[in-house]
Full PDB file with SEQRES, HELIX, SHEET, SSBOND, CRYST1, ORIGX, SCALE, CONECT and MASTER records, all heavy atoms in Angstrom:
SEQRES   1 A   35  LYS PRO ILE LEU PHE GLY GLY HIS GLN GLU HIS GLN LEU          
SEQRES   2 A   35  ARG PRO GLY THR GLU SER VAL PRO LEU ILE VAL ALA PHE          
SEQRES   3 A   35  GLY VAL ALA VAL GLU LYS LEU SER SER                          
HELIX    1 AA1 GLU A   10  GLN A   12  5                                   3    
HELIX    2 AA2 VAL A   20  LEU A   33  1                                  14    
CRYST1    1.000    1.000    1.000  90.00  90.00  90.00 P 1           1          
ORIGX1      1.000000  0.000000  0.000000        0.00000                         
ORIGX2      0.000000  1.000000  0.000000        0.00000                         
ORIGX3      0.000000  0.000000  1.000000        0.00000                         
SCALE1      1.000000  0.000000  0.000000        0.00000                         
SCALE2      0.000000  1.000000  0.000000        0.00000                         
SCALE3      0.000000  0.000000  1.000000        0.00000                         
ATOM      1  N   LYS A   1     115.270  69.766 177.170  1.00  0.00           N  
ATOM      2  CA  LYS A   1     115.784  69.696 175.802  1.00  0.00           C  
ATOM      3  C   LYS A   1     115.737  71.090 175.168  1.00  0.00           C  
ATOM      4  O   LYS A   1     114.819  71.862 175.422  1.00  0.00           O  
ATOM      5  CB  LYS A   1     114.966  68.701 174.981  1.00  0.00           C  
ATOM      6  CG  LYS A   1     115.231  67.258 175.384  1.00  0.00           C  
ATOM      7  CD  LYS A   1     114.645  66.274 174.390  1.00  0.00           C  
ATOM      8  CE  LYS A   1     115.010  64.837 174.775  1.00  0.00           C  
ATOM      9  NZ  LYS A   1     114.413  63.853 173.836  1.00  0.00           N  
ATOM     10  N   PRO A   2     116.730  71.424 174.343  1.00  0.00           N  
ATOM     11  CA  PRO A   2     116.771  72.765 173.750  1.00  0.00           C  
ATOM     12  C   PRO A   2     115.653  72.979 172.737  1.00  0.00           C  
ATOM     13  O   PRO A   2     115.121  72.022 172.161  1.00  0.00           O  
ATOM     14  CB  PRO A   2     118.140  72.801 173.067  1.00  0.00           C  
ATOM     15  CG  PRO A   2     118.461  71.365 172.787  1.00  0.00           C  
ATOM     16  CD  PRO A   2     117.860  70.586 173.910  1.00  0.00           C  
ATOM     17  N   ILE A   3     115.316  74.247 172.530  1.00  0.00           N  
ATOM     18  CA  ILE A   3     114.362  74.603 171.470  1.00  0.00           C  
ATOM     19  C   ILE A   3     115.066  75.378 170.354  1.00  0.00           C  
ATOM     20  O   ILE A   3     114.481  75.657 169.313  1.00  0.00           O  
ATOM     21  CB  ILE A   3     113.173  75.410 172.029  1.00  0.00           C  
ATOM     22  CG1 ILE A   3     113.647  76.703 172.710  1.00  0.00           C  
ATOM     23  CG2 ILE A   3     112.372  74.572 173.007  1.00  0.00           C  
ATOM     24  CD1 ILE A   3     112.497  77.597 173.190  1.00  0.00           C  
ATOM     25  N   LEU A   4     116.337  75.734 170.596  1.00  0.00           N  
ATOM     26  CA  LEU A   4     117.181  76.360 169.577  1.00  0.00           C  
ATOM     27  C   LEU A   4     118.420  75.498 169.394  1.00  0.00           C  
ATOM     28  O   LEU A   4     118.864  74.817 170.325  1.00  0.00           O  
ATOM     29  CB  LEU A   4     117.612  77.773 170.016  1.00  0.00           C  
ATOM     30  CG  LEU A   4     116.510  78.801 170.249  1.00  0.00           C  
ATOM     31  CD1 LEU A   4     117.111  80.074 170.818  1.00  0.00           C  
ATOM     32  CD2 LEU A   4     115.749  79.091 168.969  1.00  0.00           C  
ATOM     33  N   PHE A   5     119.001  75.536 168.205  1.00  0.00           N  
ATOM     34  CA  PHE A   5     120.156  74.699 167.904  1.00  0.00           C  
ATOM     35  C   PHE A   5     121.222  75.523 167.188  1.00  0.00           C  
ATOM     36  O   PHE A   5     120.909  76.477 166.488  1.00  0.00           O  
ATOM     37  CB  PHE A   5     119.739  73.500 167.037  1.00  0.00           C  
ATOM     38  CG  PHE A   5     118.686  72.648 167.682  1.00  0.00           C  
ATOM     39  CD1 PHE A   5     117.341  72.902 167.468  1.00  0.00           C  
ATOM     40  CD2 PHE A   5     119.048  71.615 168.532  1.00  0.00           C  
ATOM     41  CE1 PHE A   5     116.357  72.129 168.081  1.00  0.00           C  
ATOM     42  CE2 PHE A   5     118.081  70.839 169.151  1.00  0.00           C  
ATOM     43  CZ  PHE A   5     116.731  71.101 168.927  1.00  0.00           C  
ATOM     44  N   GLY A   6     122.494  75.148 167.418  1.00  0.00           N  
ATOM     45  CA  GLY A   6     123.529  75.848 166.678  1.00  0.00           C  
ATOM     46  C   GLY A   6     124.819  76.106 167.413  1.00  0.00           C  
ATOM     47  O   GLY A   6     125.728  76.699 166.834  1.00  0.00           O  
ATOM     48  N   GLY A   7     124.963  75.697 168.640  1.00  0.00           N  
ATOM     49  CA  GLY A   7     126.216  75.964 169.330  1.00  0.00           C  
ATOM     50  C   GLY A   7     126.265  75.296 170.684  1.00  0.00           C  
ATOM     51  O   GLY A   7     125.285  74.743 171.166  1.00  0.00           O  
ATOM     52  N   HIS A   8     127.425  75.419 171.339  1.00  0.00           N  
ATOM     53  CA  HIS A   8     127.642  74.732 172.613  1.00  0.00           C  
ATOM     54  C   HIS A   8     127.376  75.637 173.813  1.00  0.00           C  
ATOM     55  O   HIS A   8     127.489  75.190 174.954  1.00  0.00           O  
ATOM     56  CB  HIS A   8     129.094  74.247 172.675  1.00  0.00           C  
ATOM     57  CG  HIS A   8     130.089  75.364 172.678  1.00  0.00           C  
ATOM     58  ND1 HIS A   8     130.548  75.943 171.524  1.00  0.00           N  
ATOM     59  CD2 HIS A   8     130.684  76.031 173.699  1.00  0.00           C  
ATOM     60  CE1 HIS A   8     131.383  76.918 171.837  1.00  0.00           C  
ATOM     61  NE2 HIS A   8     131.488  76.994 173.145  1.00  0.00           N  
ATOM     62  N   GLN A   9     127.040  76.901 173.571  1.00  0.00           N  
ATOM     63  CA  GLN A   9     126.913  77.845 174.684  1.00  0.00           C  
ATOM     64  C   GLN A   9     125.802  77.440 175.653  1.00  0.00           C  
ATOM     65  O   GLN A   9     124.834  76.786 175.273  1.00  0.00           O  
ATOM     66  CB  GLN A   9     126.621  79.259 174.148  1.00  0.00           C  
ATOM     67  CG  GLN A   9     127.722  79.878 173.318  1.00  0.00           C  
ATOM     68  CD  GLN A   9     127.585  79.603 171.835  1.00  0.00           C  
ATOM     69  OE1 GLN A   9     126.837  78.711 171.406  1.00  0.00           O  
ATOM     70  NE2 GLN A   9     128.320  80.354 171.030  1.00  0.00           N  
ATOM     71  N   GLU A  10     125.956  77.880 176.910  1.00  0.00           N  
ATOM     72  CA  GLU A  10     124.944  77.659 177.956  1.00  0.00           C  
ATOM     73  C   GLU A  10     124.518  76.190 178.023  1.00  0.00           C  
ATOM     74  O   GLU A  10     123.335  75.858 177.943  1.00  0.00           O  
ATOM     75  CB  GLU A  10     123.731  78.577 177.736  1.00  0.00           C  
ATOM     76  CG  GLU A  10     124.064  80.061 177.767  1.00  0.00           C  
ATOM     77  CD  GLU A  10     124.696  80.510 179.071  1.00  0.00           C  
ATOM     78  OE1 GLU A  10     124.032  80.402 180.120  1.00  0.00           O  
ATOM     79  OE2 GLU A  10     125.869  80.954 179.048  1.00  0.00           O  
ATOM     80  N   HIS A  11     125.498  75.322 178.154  1.00  0.00           N  
ATOM     81  CA  HIS A  11     125.254  73.873 178.270  1.00  0.00           C  
ATOM     82  C   HIS A  11     124.502  73.323 177.059  1.00  0.00           C  
ATOM     83  O   HIS A  11     123.766  72.336 177.169  1.00  0.00           O  
ATOM     84  CB  HIS A  11     124.467  73.543 179.549  1.00  0.00           C  
ATOM     85  CG  HIS A  11     125.037  74.160 180.790  1.00  0.00           C  
ATOM     86  ND1 HIS A  11     126.290  73.858 181.272  1.00  0.00           N  
ATOM     87  CD2 HIS A  11     124.507  75.068 181.645  1.00  0.00           C  
ATOM     88  CE1 HIS A  11     126.518  74.552 182.379  1.00  0.00           C  
ATOM     89  NE2 HIS A  11     125.464  75.295 182.618  1.00  0.00           N  
ATOM     90  N   GLN A  12     124.655  73.958 175.922  1.00  0.00           N  
ATOM     91  CA  GLN A  12     123.990  73.597 174.666  1.00  0.00           C  
ATOM     92  C   GLN A  12     122.469  73.755 174.739  1.00  0.00           C  
ATOM     93  O   GLN A  12     121.758  73.282 173.854  1.00  0.00           O  
ATOM     94  CB  GLN A  12     124.344  72.171 174.237  1.00  0.00           C  
ATOM     95  CG  GLN A  12     125.832  72.000 173.905  1.00  0.00           C  
ATOM     96  CD  GLN A  12     126.156  70.636 173.342  1.00  0.00           C  
ATOM     97  OE1 GLN A  12     125.743  69.609 173.882  1.00  0.00           O  
ATOM     98  NE2 GLN A  12     126.906  70.613 172.254  1.00  0.00           N  
ATOM     99  N   LEU A  13     121.991  74.423 175.769  1.00  0.00           N  
ATOM    100  CA  LEU A  13     120.552  74.656 175.895  1.00  0.00           C  
ATOM    101  C   LEU A  13     120.138  75.996 175.305  1.00  0.00           C  
ATOM    102  O   LEU A  13     118.961  76.220 174.994  1.00  0.00           O  
ATOM    103  CB  LEU A  13     120.134  74.612 177.371  1.00  0.00           C  
ATOM    104  CG  LEU A  13     120.113  73.229 178.002  1.00  0.00           C  
ATOM    105  CD1 LEU A  13     119.793  73.330 179.482  1.00  0.00           C  
ATOM    106  CD2 LEU A  13     119.093  72.344 177.290  1.00  0.00           C  
ATOM    107  N   ARG A  14     121.114  76.916 175.153  1.00  0.00           N  
ATOM    108  CA  ARG A  14     120.790  78.228 174.614  1.00  0.00           C  
ATOM    109  C   ARG A  14     121.953  78.645 173.707  1.00  0.00           C  
ATOM    110  O   ARG A  14     122.786  79.461 174.070  1.00  0.00           O  
ATOM    111  CB  ARG A  14     120.573  79.226 175.749  1.00  0.00           C  
ATOM    112  CG  ARG A  14     119.652  80.371 175.399  1.00  0.00           C  
ATOM    113  CD  ARG A  14     120.265  81.362 174.440  1.00  0.00           C  
ATOM    114  NE  ARG A  14     119.318  82.395 174.057  1.00  0.00           N  
ATOM    115  CZ  ARG A  14     119.663  83.463 173.349  1.00  0.00           C  
ATOM    116  NH1 ARG A  14     120.905  83.634 172.930  1.00  0.00           N  
ATOM    117  NH2 ARG A  14     118.758  84.358 173.019  1.00  0.00           N  
ATOM    118  N   PRO A  15     122.021  78.057 172.490  1.00  0.00           N  
ATOM    119  CA  PRO A  15     123.142  78.351 171.602  1.00  0.00           C  
ATOM    120  C   PRO A  15     123.104  79.791 171.101  1.00  0.00           C  
ATOM    121  O   PRO A  15     122.062  80.439 171.087  1.00  0.00           O  
ATOM    122  CB  PRO A  15     122.934  77.361 170.453  1.00  0.00           C  
ATOM    123  CG  PRO A  15     121.468  77.084 170.447  1.00  0.00           C  
ATOM    124  CD  PRO A  15     121.061  77.119 171.892  1.00  0.00           C  
ATOM    125  N   GLY A  16     124.270  80.264 170.684  1.00  0.00           N  
ATOM    126  CA  GLY A  16     124.409  81.631 170.206  1.00  0.00           C  
ATOM    127  C   GLY A  16     125.354  82.406 171.101  1.00  0.00           C  
ATOM    128  O   GLY A  16     125.411  82.173 172.313  1.00  0.00           O  
ATOM    129  N   THR A  17     126.089  83.327 170.514  1.00  0.00           N  
ATOM    130  CA  THR A  17     127.051  84.114 171.285  1.00  0.00           C  
ATOM    131  C   THR A  17     126.340  84.927 172.361  1.00  0.00           C  
ATOM    132  O   THR A  17     125.385  85.657 172.078  1.00  0.00           O  
ATOM    133  CB  THR A  17     127.833  85.064 170.360  1.00  0.00           C  
ATOM    134  OG1 THR A  17     128.480  84.298 169.346  1.00  0.00           O  
ATOM    135  CG2 THR A  17     128.870  85.856 171.144  1.00  0.00           C  
ATOM    136  N   GLU A  18     126.796  84.801 173.587  1.00  0.00           N  
ATOM    137  CA  GLU A  18     126.168  85.502 174.708  1.00  0.00           C  
ATOM    138  C   GLU A  18     126.399  87.008 174.610  1.00  0.00           C  
ATOM    139  O   GLU A  18     127.463  87.457 174.177  1.00  0.00           O  
ATOM    140  CB  GLU A  18     126.719  84.989 176.042  1.00  0.00           C  
ATOM    141  CG  GLU A  18     126.481  83.510 176.292  1.00  0.00           C  
ATOM    142  CD  GLU A  18     127.630  82.632 175.867  1.00  0.00           C  
ATOM    143  OE1 GLU A  18     128.460  83.085 175.029  1.00  0.00           O  
ATOM    144  OE2 GLU A  18     127.717  81.491 176.362  1.00  0.00           O  
ATOM    145  N   SER A  19     125.411  87.779 175.054  1.00  0.00           N  
ATOM    146  CA  SER A  19     125.539  89.238 175.092  1.00  0.00           C  
ATOM    147  C   SER A  19     126.212  89.628 176.401  1.00  0.00           C  
ATOM    148  O   SER A  19     125.550  89.876 177.411  1.00  0.00           O  
ATOM    149  CB  SER A  19     124.173  89.911 174.969  1.00  0.00           C  
ATOM    150  OG  SER A  19     124.316  91.322 175.052  1.00  0.00           O  
ATOM    151  N   VAL A  20     127.519  89.672 176.382  1.00  0.00           N  
ATOM    152  CA  VAL A  20     128.281  89.918 177.616  1.00  0.00           C  
ATOM    153  C   VAL A  20     127.904  91.260 178.259  1.00  0.00           C  
ATOM    154  O   VAL A  20     127.713  91.318 179.484  1.00  0.00           O  
ATOM    155  CB  VAL A  20     129.795  89.819 177.342  1.00  0.00           C  
ATOM    156  CG1 VAL A  20     130.594  90.178 178.588  1.00  0.00           C  
ATOM    157  CG2 VAL A  20     130.148  88.408 176.875  1.00  0.00           C  
ATOM    158  N   PRO A  21     127.780  92.363 177.501  1.00  0.00           N  
ATOM    159  CA  PRO A  21     127.421  93.629 178.154  1.00  0.00           C  
ATOM    160  C   PRO A  21     126.104  93.567 178.914  1.00  0.00           C  
ATOM    161  O   PRO A  21     125.991  94.078 180.043  1.00  0.00           O  
ATOM    162  CB  PRO A  21     127.348  94.623 176.986  1.00  0.00           C  
ATOM    163  CG  PRO A  21     128.244  94.043 175.941  1.00  0.00           C  
ATOM    164  CD  PRO A  21     128.062  92.567 176.060  1.00  0.00           C  
ATOM    165  N   LEU A  22     125.097  92.926 178.334  1.00  0.00           N  
ATOM    166  CA  LEU A  22     123.795  92.833 178.996  1.00  0.00           C  
ATOM    167  C   LEU A  22     123.856  91.912 180.205  1.00  0.00           C  
ATOM    168  O   LEU A  22     123.253  92.190 181.247  1.00  0.00           O  
ATOM    169  CB  LEU A  22     122.728  92.346 178.015  1.00  0.00           C  
ATOM    170  CG  LEU A  22     122.472  93.201 176.773  1.00  0.00           C  
ATOM    171  CD1 LEU A  22     121.281  92.655 175.995  1.00  0.00           C  
ATOM    172  CD2 LEU A  22     122.244  94.659 177.128  1.00  0.00           C  
ATOM    173  N   ILE A  23     124.578  90.817 180.067  1.00  0.00           N  
ATOM    174  CA  ILE A  23     124.701  89.865 181.170  1.00  0.00           C  
ATOM    175  C   ILE A  23     125.443  90.500 182.350  1.00  0.00           C  
ATOM    176  O   ILE A  23     125.026  90.367 183.510  1.00  0.00           O  
ATOM    177  CB  ILE A  23     125.419  88.592 180.687  1.00  0.00           C  
ATOM    178  CG1 ILE A  23     124.494  87.789 179.761  1.00  0.00           C  
ATOM    179  CG2 ILE A  23     125.876  87.731 181.866  1.00  0.00           C  
ATOM    180  CD1 ILE A  23     125.173  86.658 179.017  1.00  0.00           C  
ATOM    181  N   VAL A  24     126.519  91.201 182.066  1.00  0.00           N  
ATOM    182  CA  VAL A  24     127.286  91.849 183.127  1.00  0.00           C  
ATOM    183  C   VAL A  24     126.443  92.920 183.819  1.00  0.00           C  
ATOM    184  O   VAL A  24     126.445  93.043 185.050  1.00  0.00           O  
ATOM    185  CB  VAL A  24     128.599  92.442 182.563  1.00  0.00           C  
ATOM    186  CG1 VAL A  24     129.288  93.319 183.602  1.00  0.00           C  
ATOM    187  CG2 VAL A  24     129.532  91.315 182.117  1.00  0.00           C  
ATOM    188  N   ALA A  25     125.705  93.702 183.023  1.00  0.00           N  
ATOM    189  CA  ALA A  25     124.814  94.714 183.603  1.00  0.00           C  
ATOM    190  C   ALA A  25     123.756  94.065 184.485  1.00  0.00           C  
ATOM    191  O   ALA A  25     123.412  94.603 185.553  1.00  0.00           O  
ATOM    192  CB  ALA A  25     124.155  95.526 182.494  1.00  0.00           C  
ATOM    193  N   PHE A  26     123.239  92.918 184.070  1.00  0.00           N  
ATOM    194  CA  PHE A  26     122.267  92.159 184.865  1.00  0.00           C  
ATOM    195  C   PHE A  26     122.874  91.803 186.219  1.00  0.00           C  
ATOM    196  O   PHE A  26     122.268  92.006 187.283  1.00  0.00           O  
ATOM    197  CB  PHE A  26     121.878  90.906 184.081  1.00  0.00           C  
ATOM    198  CG  PHE A  26     120.700  90.126 184.610  1.00  0.00           C  
ATOM    199  CD1 PHE A  26     119.922  90.575 185.666  1.00  0.00           C  
ATOM    200  CD2 PHE A  26     120.360  88.905 184.023  1.00  0.00           C  
ATOM    201  CE1 PHE A  26     118.830  89.842 186.136  1.00  0.00           C  
ATOM    202  CE2 PHE A  26     119.280  88.165 184.477  1.00  0.00           C  
ATOM    203  CZ  PHE A  26     118.520  88.633 185.540  1.00  0.00           C  
ATOM    204  N   GLY A  27     124.088  91.274 186.196  1.00  0.00           N  
ATOM    205  CA  GLY A  27     124.745  90.904 187.444  1.00  0.00           C  
ATOM    206  C   GLY A  27     124.967  92.085 188.368  1.00  0.00           C  
ATOM    207  O   GLY A  27     124.771  91.982 189.589  1.00  0.00           O  
ATOM    208  N   VAL A  28     125.349  93.225 187.809  1.00  0.00           N  
ATOM    209  CA  VAL A  28     125.574  94.429 188.615  1.00  0.00           C  
ATOM    210  C   VAL A  28     124.264  94.911 189.239  1.00  0.00           C  
ATOM    211  O   VAL A  28     124.222  95.282 190.425  1.00  0.00           O  
ATOM    212  CB  VAL A  28     126.207  95.536 187.748  1.00  0.00           C  
ATOM    213  CG1 VAL A  28     126.183  96.878 188.471  1.00  0.00           C  
ATOM    214  CG2 VAL A  28     127.639  95.158 187.380  1.00  0.00           C  
ATOM    215  N   ALA A  29     123.185  94.914 188.457  1.00  0.00           N  
ATOM    216  CA  ALA A  29     121.882  95.347 188.976  1.00  0.00           C  
ATOM    217  C   ALA A  29     121.418  94.429 190.101  1.00  0.00           C  
ATOM    218  O   ALA A  29     120.908  94.893 191.131  1.00  0.00           O  
ATOM    219  CB  ALA A  29     120.854  95.375 187.848  1.00  0.00           C  
ATOM    220  N   VAL A  30     121.599  93.135 189.924  1.00  0.00           N  
ATOM    221  CA  VAL A  30     121.194  92.167 190.946  1.00  0.00           C  
ATOM    222  C   VAL A  30     122.009  92.369 192.226  1.00  0.00           C  
ATOM    223  O   VAL A  30     121.462  92.353 193.334  1.00  0.00           O  
ATOM    224  CB  VAL A  30     121.349  90.725 190.418  1.00  0.00           C  
ATOM    225  CG1 VAL A  30     121.247  89.710 191.561  1.00  0.00           C  
ATOM    226  CG2 VAL A  30     120.282  90.442 189.368  1.00  0.00           C  
ATOM    227  N   GLU A  31     123.305  92.553 192.083  1.00  0.00           N  
ATOM    228  CA  GLU A  31     124.152  92.778 193.263  1.00  0.00           C  
ATOM    229  C   GLU A  31     123.688  94.025 194.026  1.00  0.00           C  
ATOM    230  O   GLU A  31     123.643  94.030 195.260  1.00  0.00           O  
ATOM    231  CB  GLU A  31     125.599  92.930 192.845  1.00  0.00           C  
ATOM    232  CG  GLU A  31     126.550  93.085 194.030  1.00  0.00           C  
ATOM    233  CD  GLU A  31     127.990  93.239 193.612  1.00  0.00           C  
ATOM    234  OE1 GLU A  31     128.259  94.013 192.662  1.00  0.00           O  
ATOM    235  OE2 GLU A  31     128.854  92.586 194.225  1.00  0.00           O  
ATOM    236  N   LYS A  32     123.307  95.060 193.302  1.00  0.00           N  
ATOM    237  CA  LYS A  32     122.881  96.308 193.931  1.00  0.00           C  
ATOM    238  C   LYS A  32     121.593  96.126 194.731  1.00  0.00           C  
ATOM    239  O   LYS A  32     121.418  96.696 195.809  1.00  0.00           O  
ATOM    240  CB  LYS A  32     122.687  97.391 192.864  1.00  0.00           C  
ATOM    241  CG  LYS A  32     122.324  98.765 193.402  1.00  0.00           C  
ATOM    242  CD  LYS A  32     122.265  99.779 192.269  1.00  0.00           C  
ATOM    243  CE  LYS A  32     122.021 101.190 192.814  1.00  0.00           C  
ATOM    244  NZ  LYS A  32     120.697 101.345 193.437  1.00  0.00           N  
ATOM    245  N   LEU A  33     120.668  95.311 194.211  1.00  0.00           N  
ATOM    246  CA  LEU A  33     119.348  95.178 194.830  1.00  0.00           C  
ATOM    247  C   LEU A  33     119.259  94.069 195.872  1.00  0.00           C  
ATOM    248  O   LEU A  33     118.378  94.098 196.730  1.00  0.00           O  
ATOM    249  CB  LEU A  33     118.286  94.916 193.755  1.00  0.00           C  
ATOM    250  CG  LEU A  33     117.971  96.040 192.766  1.00  0.00           C  
ATOM    251  CD1 LEU A  33     116.855  95.602 191.842  1.00  0.00           C  
ATOM    252  CD2 LEU A  33     117.584  97.324 193.476  1.00  0.00           C  
ATOM    253  N   SER A  34     120.138  93.095 195.802  1.00  0.00           N  
ATOM    254  CA  SER A  34     119.942  91.875 196.591  1.00  0.00           C  
ATOM    255  C   SER A  34     120.181  92.059 198.093  1.00  0.00           C  
ATOM    256  O   SER A  34     119.741  91.226 198.882  1.00  0.00           O  
ATOM    257  CB  SER A  34     120.844  90.754 196.057  1.00  0.00           C  
ATOM    258  OG  SER A  34     122.205  91.126 196.112  1.00  0.00           O  
ATOM    259  N   SER A  35     120.836  93.140 198.485  1.00  0.00           N  
ATOM    260  CA  SER A  35     121.178  93.308 199.899  1.00  0.00           C  
ATOM    261  C   SER A  35     120.067  93.927 200.740  1.00  0.00           C  
ATOM    262  O   SER A  35     120.121  93.872 201.973  1.00  0.00           O  
ATOM    263  CB  SER A  35     122.442  94.156 200.036  1.00  0.00           C  
ATOM    264  OG  SER A  35     122.214  95.460 199.532  1.00  0.00           O  
TER     265      SER A  35                                                      
MASTER        0    0    0    2    0    0    0    6  264    1    0    3          
END                                                                             
């Protein structure tokens, strides 16, 4: 069950506009290290 309320983002479990720049950077860093 969510602990924050206010939007439909992230399956309604984490409402609020996502930080796309940080999320994309996270994905790039993970791709670099995972191999």
